[in-house]
Structures are given as C-alpha cells and as structure tokens.
Amino acid sequence: GWFLAASPEIHMKPLIAAGYGNIFQICHCFRKGEKGTIHQPEFSMLEWYRVNADYQQIITDTEQLLFFIWILRASLGATEMLLLCNQKVTGSSCDNSLFAK
C-alpha cells in the first residue's frame, strides 16, 4: 500500500548507510494526530546529512542557510526582518555573527 511520509529521515538513513555521502531532501510531511495549538498536519521540511560533519559544521550550515534566506527576502523588497536572535536588522546590514552559539 501507499503511505504519506511523516519524515524524510526514514528514506534518507538507508542512503547514508549505503555510502551516498552528503544528501538533502525538501519534501512534504504529513503528521496527523499531533498535540499542540500550532501543529499543522501537512508541512514542508528540509533535511540534510553531511558525512563526517560535527555539530559546529551543522550550525554553520544552518546559519548560512538562514542568512541566504534573509538576503533573498531583502532583495525581494523586504526592508526589515526580525531574526531568530530577536535582533532587528534593517536593509542589508546583516552579518552571520548575529547568531549566538
């Protein structure tokens, strides 16, 4: 039978185990029955795996991804964006050091 994926992890771990190296997936996830007032039963998720990467490298990947999204959003006309660190940045004067480790 056919099933809706709850997480990309289920399909990605065997690829890592088979030696495919660095991989990523952007997909729809379906989770019905979760508790919480802001839970969505369907959403998109990005998941990636890097071979031999430690948590500091994953943190850097995440910072760079969020910084890229911020730059992209700013270039599409947004002049202000509130970053996760609760620091307001105006225009294009953002730098990666805003993310506390």
PDB file of N, CA and C in Angstrom:
ATOM      1  N   GLY A   1       0.801  -1.182   0.000  1.00  0.00           N
ATOM      2  CA  GLY A   1       0.000   0.000   0.000  1.00  0.00           C
ATOM      3  C   GLY A   1       0.851   1.256   0.000  1.00  0.00           C
ATOM      4  N   TRP A   2       0.190   2.361  -0.206  1.00  0.00           N
ATOM      5  CA  TRP A   2       0.853   3.659  -0.244  1.00  0.00           C
ATOM      6  C   TRP A   2       0.674   4.367   1.090  1.00  0.00           C
ATOM      7  N   PHE A   3       1.707   5.057   1.527  1.00  0.00           N
ATOM      8  CA  PHE A   3       1.669   5.788   2.781  1.00  0.00           C
ATOM      9  C   PHE A   3       2.231   7.188   2.563  1.00  0.00           C
ATOM     10  N   LEU A   4       1.747   8.160   3.309  1.00  0.00           N
ATOM     11  CA  LEU A   4       2.293   9.502   3.275  1.00  0.00           C
ATOM     12  C   LEU A   4       3.489   9.571   4.219  1.00  0.00           C
ATOM     13  N   ALA A   5       4.549  10.227   3.789  1.00  0.00           N
ATOM     14  CA  ALA A   5       5.778  10.268   4.587  1.00  0.00           C
ATOM     15  C   ALA A   5       5.615  11.194   5.783  1.00  0.00           C
ATOM     16  N   ALA A   6       6.007  10.709   6.958  1.00  0.00           N
ATOM     17  CA  ALA A   6       5.991  11.532   8.167  1.00  0.00           C
ATOM     18  C   ALA A   6       7.292  12.311   8.315  1.00  0.00           C
ATOM     19  N   SER A   7       8.362  11.818   7.697  1.00  0.00           N
ATOM     20  CA  SER A   7       9.667  12.462   7.796  1.00  0.00           C
ATOM     21  C   SER A   7      10.564  11.966   6.668  1.00  0.00           C
ATOM     22  N   PRO A   8      11.407  12.847   6.113  1.00  0.00           N
ATOM     23  CA  PRO A   8      12.342  12.390   5.076  1.00  0.00           C
ATOM     24  C   PRO A   8      13.431  11.478   5.639  1.00  0.00           C
ATOM     25  N   GLU A   9      13.633  11.526   6.943  1.00  0.00           N
ATOM     26  CA  GLU A   9      14.673  10.734   7.597  1.00  0.00           C
ATOM     27  C   GLU A   9      14.529   9.240   7.295  1.00  0.00           C
ATOM     28  N   ILE A  10      13.300   8.771   7.236  1.00  0.00           N
ATOM     29  CA  ILE A  10      13.023   7.351   7.013  1.00  0.00           C
ATOM     30  C   ILE A  10      13.671   6.861   5.719  1.00  0.00           C
ATOM     31  N   HIS A  11      13.648   7.704   4.688  1.00  0.00           N
ATOM     32  CA  HIS A  11      14.167   7.306   3.380  1.00  0.00           C
ATOM     33  C   HIS A  11      15.628   7.691   3.192  1.00  0.00           C
ATOM     34  N   MET A  12      16.127   8.617   3.999  1.00  0.00           N
ATOM     35  CA  MET A  12      17.491   9.107   3.827  1.00  0.00           C
ATOM     36  C   MET A  12      18.532   8.274   4.579  1.00  0.00           C
ATOM     37  N   LYS A  13      18.195   7.757   5.730  1.00  0.00           N
ATOM     38  CA  LYS A  13      19.158   6.977   6.517  1.00  0.00           C
ATOM     39  C   LYS A  13      19.705   5.766   5.746  1.00  0.00           C
ATOM     40  N   PRO A  14      18.876   5.010   5.009  1.00  0.00           N
ATOM     41  CA  PRO A  14      19.450   3.906   4.223  1.00  0.00           C
ATOM     42  C   PRO A  14      20.429   4.385   3.149  1.00  0.00           C
ATOM     43  N   LEU A  15      20.199   5.572   2.586  1.00  0.00           N
ATOM     44  CA  LEU A  15      21.132   6.103   1.589  1.00  0.00           C
ATOM     45  C   LEU A  15      22.487   6.424   2.216  1.00  0.00           C
ATOM     46  N   ILE A  16      22.439   7.027   3.410  1.00  0.00           N
ATOM     47  CA  ILE A  16      23.678   7.323   4.133  1.00  0.00           C
ATOM     48  C   ILE A  16      24.414   6.014   4.451  1.00  0.00           C
ATOM     49  N   ALA A  17      23.668   5.021   4.918  1.00  0.00           N
ATOM     50  CA  ALA A  17      24.272   3.732   5.269  1.00  0.00           C
ATOM     51  C   ALA A  17      24.881   3.046   4.043  1.00  0.00           C
ATOM     52  N   ALA A  18      24.305   3.305   2.862  1.00  0.00           N
ATOM     53  CA  ALA A  18      24.815   2.705   1.624  1.00  0.00           C
ATOM     54  C   ALA A  18      26.000   3.473   1.054  1.00  0.00           C
ATOM     55  N   GLY A  19      26.372   4.598   1.703  1.00  0.00           N
ATOM     56  CA  GLY A  19      27.552   5.328   1.280  1.00  0.00           C
ATOM     57  C   GLY A  19      27.322   6.435   0.263  1.00  0.00           C
ATOM     58  N   TYR A  20      26.108   6.965   0.177  1.00  0.00           N
ATOM     59  CA  TYR A  20      25.821   8.004  -0.806  1.00  0.00           C
ATOM     60  C   TYR A  20      26.428   9.365  -0.472  1.00  0.00           C
ATOM     61  N   GLY A  21      26.970   9.551   0.700  1.00  0.00           N
ATOM     62  CA  GLY A  21      27.626  10.820   1.030  1.00  0.00           C
ATOM     63  C   GLY A  21      26.641  11.883   1.459  1.00  0.00           C
ATOM     64  N   ASN A  22      26.971  13.137   1.152  1.00  0.00           N
ATOM     65  CA  ASN A  22      26.131  14.273   1.547  1.00  0.00           C
ATOM     66  C   ASN A  22      24.843  14.271   0.734  1.00  0.00           C
ATOM     67  N   ILE A  23      23.711  14.308   1.417  1.00  0.00           N
ATOM     68  CA  ILE A  23      22.418  14.312   0.738  1.00  0.00           C
ATOM     69  C   ILE A  23      21.479  15.301   1.418  1.00  0.00           C
ATOM     70  N   PHE A  24      20.474  15.750   0.670  1.00  0.00           N
ATOM     71  CA  PHE A  24      19.424  16.590   1.237  1.00  0.00           C
ATOM     72  C   PHE A  24      18.108  16.260   0.567  1.00  0.00           C
ATOM     73  N   GLN A  25      17.032  16.661   1.213  1.00  0.00           N
ATOM     74  CA  GLN A  25      15.702  16.458   0.652  1.00  0.00           C
ATOM     75  C   GLN A  25      14.783  17.560   1.142  1.00  0.00           C
ATOM     76  N   ILE A  26      14.009  18.103   0.215  1.00  0.00           N
ATOM     77  CA  ILE A  26      12.923  19.036   0.538  1.00  0.00           C
ATOM     78  C   ILE A  26      11.641  18.301   0.169  1.00  0.00           C
ATOM     79  N   CYS A  27      10.747  18.114   1.140  1.00  0.00           N
ATOM     80  CA  CYS A  27       9.565  17.302   0.869  1.00  0.00           C
ATOM     81  C   CYS A  27       8.388  17.735   1.736  1.00  0.00           C
ATOM     82  N   HIS A  28       7.232  17.225   1.366  1.00  0.00           N
ATOM     83  CA  HIS A  28       6.042  17.387   2.193  1.00  0.00           C
ATOM     84  C   HIS A  28       6.041  16.306   3.260  1.00  0.00           C
ATOM     85  N   CYS A  29       5.642  16.673   4.457  1.00  0.00           N
ATOM     86  CA  CYS A  29       5.496  15.720   5.557  1.00  0.00           C
ATOM     87  C   CYS A  29       4.056  15.769   6.054  1.00  0.00           C
ATOM     88  N   PHE A  30       3.580  14.636   6.488  1.00  0.00           N
ATOM     89  CA  PHE A  30       2.203  14.524   6.942  1.00  0.00           C
ATOM     90  C   PHE A  30       2.195  13.901   8.327  1.00  0.00           C
ATOM     91  N   ARG A  31       1.678  14.635   9.299  1.00  0.00           N
ATOM     92  CA  ARG A  31       1.615  14.136  10.677  1.00  0.00           C
ATOM     93  C   ARG A  31       0.259  14.483  11.278  1.00  0.00           C
ATOM     94  N   LYS A  32      -0.619  13.529  11.283  1.00  0.00           N
ATOM     95  CA  LYS A  32      -1.950  13.732  11.839  1.00  0.00           C
ATOM     96  C   LYS A  32      -1.976  13.216  13.265  1.00  0.00           C
ATOM     97  N   GLY A  33      -2.690  13.910  14.133  1.00  0.00           N
ATOM     98  CA  GLY A  33      -2.845  13.452  15.497  1.00  0.00           C
ATOM     99  C   GLY A  33      -1.841  14.016  16.476  1.00  0.00           C
ATOM    100  N   GLU A  34      -0.984  14.921  16.033  1.00  0.00           N
ATOM    101  CA  GLU A  34      -0.023  15.547  16.949  1.00  0.00           C
ATOM    102  C   GLU A  34      -0.761  16.515  17.873  1.00  0.00           C
ATOM    103  N   LYS A  35      -0.223  16.718  19.060  1.00  0.00           N
ATOM    104  CA  LYS A  35      -0.824  17.631  20.026  1.00  0.00           C
ATOM    105  C   LYS A  35      -0.225  19.024  19.870  1.00  0.00           C
ATOM    106  N   GLY A  36      -0.982  20.044  20.213  1.00  0.00           N
ATOM    107  CA  GLY A  36      -0.468  21.414  20.185  1.00  0.00           C
ATOM    108  C   GLY A  36      -1.382  22.331  19.393  1.00  0.00           C
ATOM    109  N   THR A  37      -1.396  23.591  19.778  1.00  0.00           N
ATOM    110  CA  THR A  37      -2.290  24.553  19.141  1.00  0.00           C
ATOM    111  C   THR A  37      -1.762  25.056  17.806  1.00  0.00           C
ATOM    112  N   ILE A  38      -0.460  24.951  17.557  1.00  0.00           N
ATOM    113  CA  ILE A  38       0.090  25.458  16.295  1.00  0.00           C
ATOM    114  C   ILE A  38       0.519  24.334  15.361  1.00  0.00           C
ATOM    115  N   HIS A  39       0.189  23.104  15.681  1.00  0.00           N
ATOM    116  CA  HIS A  39       0.574  21.966  14.838  1.00  0.00           C
ATOM    117  C   HIS A  39      -0.182  22.010  13.513  1.00  0.00           C
ATOM    118  N   GLN A  40       0.557  21.776  12.430  1.00  0.00           N
ATOM    119  CA  GLN A  40      -0.038  21.654  11.101  1.00  0.00           C
ATOM    120  C   GLN A  40       0.098  20.196  10.662  1.00  0.00           C
ATOM    121  N   PRO A  41      -0.971  19.582  10.184  1.00  0.00           N
ATOM    122  CA  PRO A  41      -0.882  18.175   9.792  1.00  0.00           C
ATOM    123  C   PRO A  41      -0.066  17.958   8.508  1.00  0.00           C
ATOM    124  N   GLU A  42       0.137  19.019   7.715  1.00  0.00           N
ATOM    125  CA  GLU A  42       0.914  18.924   6.481  1.00  0.00           C
ATOM    126  C   GLU A  42       1.854  20.120   6.421  1.00  0.00           C
ATOM    127  N   PHE A  43       3.115  19.875   6.128  1.00  0.00           N
ATOM    128  CA  PHE A  43       4.093  20.957   6.046  1.00  0.00           C
ATOM    129  C   PHE A  43       5.273  20.507   5.192  1.00  0.00           C
ATOM    130  N   SER A  44       6.111  21.462   4.798  1.00  0.00           N
ATOM    131  CA  SER A  44       7.320  21.157   4.041  1.00  0.00           C
ATOM    132  C   SER A  44       8.520  21.155   4.981  1.00  0.00           C
ATOM    133  N   MET A  45       9.475  20.293   4.693  1.00  0.00           N
ATOM    134  CA  MET A  45      10.648  20.163   5.554  1.00  0.00           C
ATOM    135  C   MET A  45      11.896  20.032   4.688  1.00  0.00           C
ATOM    136  N   LEU A  46      12.961  20.642   5.162  1.00  0.00           N
ATOM    137  CA  LEU A  46      14.284  20.449   4.585  1.00  0.00           C
ATOM    138  C   LEU A  46      15.092  19.637   5.581  1.00  0.00           C
ATOM    139  N   GLU A  47      15.683  18.560   5.115  1.00  0.00           N
ATOM    140  CA  GLU A  47      16.557  17.759   5.972  1.00  0.00           C
ATOM    141  C   GLU A  47      17.804  17.435   5.173  1.00  0.00           C
ATOM    142  N   TRP A  48      18.971  17.542   5.840  1.00  0.00           N
ATOM    143  CA  TRP A  48      20.213  17.215   5.158  1.00  0.00           C
ATOM    144  C   TRP A  48      21.154  16.473   6.089  1.00  0.00           C
ATOM    145  N   TYR A  49      22.040  15.707   5.455  1.00  0.00           N
ATOM    146  CA  TYR A  49      23.059  14.962   6.171  1.00  0.00           C
ATOM    147  C   TYR A  49      24.404  15.235   5.513  1.00  0.00           C
ATOM    148  N   ARG A  50      25.418  15.485   6.337  1.00  0.00           N
ATOM    149  CA  ARG A  50      26.779  15.681   5.858  1.00  0.00           C
ATOM    150  C   ARG A  50      27.665  14.625   6.496  1.00  0.00           C
ATOM    151  N   VAL A  51      28.358  13.893   5.656  1.00  0.00           N
ATOM    152  CA  VAL A  51      29.258  12.848   6.137  1.00  0.00           C
ATOM    153  C   VAL A  51      30.428  13.503   6.870  1.00  0.00           C
ATOM    154  N   ASN A  52      30.757  12.969   8.025  1.00  0.00           N
ATOM    155  CA  ASN A  52      31.885  13.422   8.847  1.00  0.00           C
ATOM    156  C   ASN A  52      31.767  14.873   9.320  1.00  0.00           C
ATOM    157  N   ALA A  53      30.563  15.414   9.378  1.00  0.00           N
ATOM    158  CA  ALA A  53      30.367  16.780   9.881  1.00  0.00           C
ATOM    159  C   ALA A  53      30.047  16.725  11.366  1.00  0.00           C
ATOM    160  N   ASP A  54      30.671  17.612  12.134  1.00  0.00           N
ATOM    161  CA  ASP A  54      30.325  17.694  13.547  1.00  0.00           C
ATOM    162  C   ASP A  54      29.224  18.736  13.745  1.00  0.00           C
ATOM    163  N   TYR A  55      28.774  18.895  14.957  1.00  0.00           N
ATOM    164  CA  TYR A  55      27.646  19.796  15.205  1.00  0.00           C
ATOM    165  C   TYR A  55      27.999  21.250  14.890  1.00  0.00           C
ATOM    166  N   GLN A  56      29.275  21.631  15.036  1.00  0.00           N
ATOM    167  CA  GLN A  56      29.671  23.010  14.703  1.00  0.00           C
ATOM    168  C   GLN A  56      29.506  23.275  13.205  1.00  0.00           C
ATOM    169  N   GLN A  57      29.813  22.291  12.373  1.00  0.00           N
ATOM    170  CA  GLN A  57      29.635  22.454  10.928  1.00  0.00           C
ATOM    171  C   GLN A  57      28.155  22.526  10.562  1.00  0.00           C
ATOM    172  N   ILE A  58      27.323  21.762  11.264  1.00  0.00           N
ATOM    173  CA  ILE A  58      25.879  21.810  11.009  1.00  0.00           C
ATOM    174  C   ILE A  58      25.324  23.168  11.443  1.00  0.00           C
ATOM    175  N   ILE A  59      25.813  23.706  12.542  1.00  0.00           N
ATOM    176  CA  ILE A  59      25.409  25.045  12.981  1.00  0.00           C
ATOM    177  C   ILE A  59      25.776  26.065  11.918  1.00  0.00           C
ATOM    178  N   THR A  60      26.982  25.975  11.374  1.00  0.00           N
ATOM    179  CA  THR A  60      27.417  26.896  10.323  1.00  0.00           C
ATOM    180  C   THR A  60      26.542  26.753   9.083  1.00  0.00           C
ATOM    181  N   ASP A  61      26.214  25.529   8.692  1.00  0.00           N
ATOM    182  CA  ASP A  61      25.301  25.306   7.565  1.00  0.00           C
ATOM    183  C   ASP A  61      23.975  26.013   7.800  1.00  0.00           C
ATOM    184  N   THR A  62      23.434  25.859   8.997  1.00  0.00           N
ATOM    185  CA  THR A  62      22.140  26.455   9.334  1.00  0.00           C
ATOM    186  C   THR A  62      22.217  27.973   9.303  1.00  0.00           C
ATOM    187  N   GLU A  63      23.276  28.541   9.861  1.00  0.00           N
ATOM    188  CA  GLU A  63      23.467  29.994   9.822  1.00  0.00           C
ATOM    189  C   GLU A  63      23.516  30.501   8.389  1.00  0.00           C
ATOM    190  N   GLN A  64      24.277  29.811   7.553  1.00  0.00           N
ATOM    191  CA  GLN A  64      24.410  30.240   6.159  1.00  0.00           C
ATOM    192  C   GLN A  64      23.085  30.131   5.415  1.00  0.00           C
ATOM    193  N   LEU A  65      22.316  29.088   5.695  1.00  0.00           N
ATOM    194  CA  LEU A  65      21.002  28.937   5.078  1.00  0.00           C
ATOM    195  C   LEU A  65      20.072  30.070   5.491  1.00  0.00           C
ATOM    196  N   LEU A  66      20.011  30.365   6.793  1.00  0.00           N
ATOM    197  CA  LEU A  66      19.150  31.452   7.273  1.00  0.00           C
ATOM    198  C   LEU A  66      19.613  32.805   6.741  1.00  0.00           C
ATOM    199  N   PHE A  67      20.916  33.008   6.669  1.00  0.00           N
ATOM    200  CA  PHE A  67      21.455  34.252   6.124  1.00  0.00           C
ATOM    201  C   PHE A  67      21.082  34.390   4.652  1.00  0.00           C
ATOM    202  N   PHE A  68      21.183  33.314   3.879  1.00  0.00           N
ATOM    203  CA  PHE A  68      20.792  33.336   2.469  1.00  0.00           C
ATOM    204  C   PHE A  68      19.311  33.666   2.322  1.00  0.00           C
ATOM    205  N   ILE A  69      18.468  33.063   3.145  1.00  0.00           N
ATOM    206  CA  ILE A  69      17.029  33.348   3.094  1.00  0.00           C
ATOM    207  C   ILE A  69      16.781  34.823   3.411  1.00  0.00           C
ATOM    208  N   TRP A  70      17.511  35.353   4.400  1.00  0.00           N
ATOM    209  CA  TRP A  70      17.363  36.767   4.769  1.00  0.00           C
ATOM    210  C   TRP A  70      17.751  37.667   3.601  1.00  0.00           C
ATOM    211  N   ILE A  71      18.871  37.387   2.946  1.00  0.00           N
ATOM    212  CA  ILE A  71      19.330  38.176   1.796  1.00  0.00           C
ATOM    213  C   ILE A  71      18.322  38.067   0.656  1.00  0.00           C
ATOM    214  N   LEU A  72      17.839  36.883   0.397  1.00  0.00           N
ATOM    215  CA  LEU A  72      16.859  36.680  -0.661  1.00  0.00           C
ATOM    216  C   LEU A  72      15.592  37.478  -0.385  1.00  0.00           C
ATOM    217  N   ARG A  73      15.120  37.404   0.839  1.00  0.00           N
ATOM    218  CA  ARG A  73      13.916  38.149   1.205  1.00  0.00           C
ATOM    219  C   ARG A  73      14.148  39.652   1.096  1.00  0.00           C
ATOM    220  N   ALA A  74      15.300  40.127   1.531  1.00  0.00           N
ATOM    221  CA  ALA A  74      15.631  41.556   1.438  1.00  0.00           C
ATOM    222  C   ALA A  74      15.694  41.999  -0.022  1.00  0.00           C
ATOM    223  N   SER A  75      16.214  41.130  -0.887  1.00  0.00           N
ATOM    224  CA  SER A  75      16.324  41.508  -2.298  1.00  0.00           C
ATOM    225  C   SER A  75      14.969  41.525  -2.988  1.00  0.00           C
ATOM    226  N   LEU A  76      13.986  40.871  -2.411  1.00  0.00           N
ATOM    227  CA  LEU A  76      12.646  40.873  -2.994  1.00  0.00           C
ATOM    228  C   LEU A  76      11.778  42.010  -2.462  1.00  0.00           C
ATOM    229  N   GLY A  77      12.396  42.959  -1.739  1.00  0.00           N
ATOM    230  CA  GLY A  77      11.670  44.139  -1.313  1.00  0.00           C
ATOM    231  C   GLY A  77      11.440  44.258   0.172  1.00  0.00           C
ATOM    232  N   ALA A  78      11.727  43.240   0.949  1.00  0.00           N
ATOM    233  CA  ALA A  78      11.547  43.357   2.394  1.00  0.00           C
ATOM    234  C   ALA A  78      12.686  44.211   2.950  1.00  0.00           C
ATOM    235  N   THR A  79      12.357  45.225   3.746  1.00  0.00           N
ATOM    236  CA  THR A  79      13.384  46.111   4.273  1.00  0.00           C
ATOM    237  C   THR A  79      13.768  45.780   5.701  1.00  0.00           C
ATOM    238  N   GLU A  80      12.933  45.040   6.391  1.00  0.00           N
ATOM    239  CA  GLU A  80      13.247  44.661   7.766  1.00  0.00           C
ATOM    240  C   GLU A  80      12.907  43.204   7.975  1.00  0.00           C
ATOM    241  N   MET A  81      13.682  42.582   8.805  1.00  0.00           N
ATOM    242  CA  MET A  81      13.376  41.195   9.161  1.00  0.00           C
ATOM    243  C   MET A  81      13.841  40.962  10.587  1.00  0.00           C
ATOM    244  N   LEU A  82      12.972  40.346  11.367  1.00  0.00           N
ATOM    245  CA  LEU A  82      13.329  40.035  12.744  1.00  0.00           C
ATOM    246  C   LEU A  82      13.970  38.660  12.758  1.00  0.00           C
ATOM    247  N   LEU A  83      15.235  38.610  13.138  1.00  0.00           N
ATOM    248  CA  LEU A  83      15.956  37.348  13.137  1.00  0.00           C
ATOM    249  C   LEU A  83      15.640  36.548  14.394  1.00  0.00           C
ATOM    250  N   LEU A  84      15.975  35.280  14.349  1.00  0.00           N
ATOM    251  CA  LEU A  84      15.688  34.402  15.480  1.00  0.00           C
ATOM    252  C   LEU A  84      16.353  34.859  16.767  1.00  0.00           C
ATOM    253  N   CYS A  85      17.424  35.633  16.658  1.00  0.00           N
ATOM    254  CA  CYS A  85      18.124  36.093  17.857  1.00  0.00           C
ATOM    255  C   CYS A  85      17.449  37.324  18.446  1.00  0.00           C
ATOM    256  N   ASN A  86      16.263  37.711  17.942  1.00  0.00           N
ATOM    257  CA  ASN A  86      15.487  38.851  18.425  1.00  0.00           C
ATOM    258  C   ASN A  86      16.213  40.184  18.260  1.00  0.00           C
ATOM    259  N   GLN A  87      17.058  40.246  17.276  1.00  0.00           N
ATOM    260  CA  GLN A  87      17.782  41.475  16.994  1.00  0.00           C
ATOM    261  C   GLN A  87      17.264  41.997  15.660  1.00  0.00           C
ATOM    262  N   LYS A  88      16.838  43.246  15.618  1.00  0.00           N
ATOM    263  CA  LYS A  88      16.274  43.802  14.407  1.00  0.00           C
ATOM    264  C   LYS A  88      17.397  44.296  13.504  1.00  0.00           C
ATOM    265  N   VAL A  89      17.318  43.918  12.236  1.00  0.00           N
ATOM    266  CA  VAL A  89      18.308  44.327  11.251  1.00  0.00           C
ATOM    267  C   VAL A  89      17.556  45.008  10.124  1.00  0.00           C
ATOM    268  N   THR A  90      18.015  46.172   9.700  1.00  0.00           N
ATOM    269  CA  THR A  90      17.353  46.935   8.645  1.00  0.00           C
ATOM    270  C   THR A  90      18.204  46.926   7.388  1.00  0.00           C
ATOM    271  N   GLY A  91      17.542  46.840   6.239  1.00  0.00           N
ATOM    272  CA  GLY A  91      18.272  46.904   4.978  1.00  0.00           C
ATOM    273  C   GLY A  91      19.118  45.673   4.772  1.00  0.00           C
ATOM    274  N   SER A  92      20.352  45.861   4.302  1.00  0.00           N
ATOM    275  CA  SER A  92      21.218  44.726   4.028  1.00  0.00           C
ATOM    276  C   SER A  92      22.404  44.678   4.973  1.00  0.00           C
ATOM    277  N   SER A  93      22.269  45.248   6.161  1.00  0.00           N
ATOM    278  CA  SER A  93      23.392  45.298   7.088  1.00  0.00           C
ATOM    279  C   SER A  93      23.402  44.134   8.067  1.00  0.00           C
ATOM    280  N   CYS A  94      23.157  42.949   7.581  1.00  0.00           N
ATOM    281  CA  CYS A  94      23.154  41.753   8.422  1.00  0.00           C
ATOM    282  C   CYS A  94      24.490  41.047   8.283  1.00  0.00           C
ATOM    283  N   ASP A  95      24.966  40.449   9.342  1.00  0.00           N
ATOM    284  CA  ASP A  95      26.140  39.580   9.215  1.00  0.00           C
ATOM    285  C   ASP A  95      25.902  38.305  10.010  1.00  0.00           C
ATOM    286  N   ASN A  96      26.644  37.280   9.668  1.00  0.00           N
ATOM    287  CA  ASN A  96      26.464  35.955  10.262  1.00  0.00           C
ATOM    288  C   ASN A  96      26.708  35.910  11.756  1.00  0.00           C
ATOM    289  N   SER A  97      27.416  36.887  12.305  1.00  0.00           N
ATOM    290  CA  SER A  97      27.779  36.839  13.724  1.00  0.00           C
ATOM    291  C   SER A  97      26.590  37.125  14.641  1.00  0.00           C
ATOM    292  N   LEU A  98      25.422  37.410  14.084  1.00  0.00           N
ATOM    293  CA  LEU A  98      24.241  37.677  14.913  1.00  0.00           C
ATOM    294  C   LEU A  98      23.716  36.429  15.589  1.00  0.00           C
ATOM    295  N   PHE A  99      24.105  35.271  15.106  1.00  0.00           N
ATOM    296  CA  PHE A  99      23.587  34.030  15.658  1.00  0.00           C
ATOM    297  C   PHE A  99      24.463  33.606  16.821  1.00  0.00           C
ATOM    298  N   ALA A 100      23.899  33.619  18.009  1.00  0.00           N
ATOM    299  CA  ALA A 100      24.658  33.212  19.207  1.00  0.00           C
ATOM    300  C   ALA A 100      24.844  31.702  19.202  1.00  0.00           C
ATOM    301  N   LYS A 101      26.010  31.273  19.639  1.00  0.00           N
ATOM    302  CA  LYS A 101      26.283  29.826  19.694  1.00  0.00           C
ATOM    303  C   LYS A 101      26.267  29.371  21.124  1.00  0.00           C
TER     304      LYS A 101
END
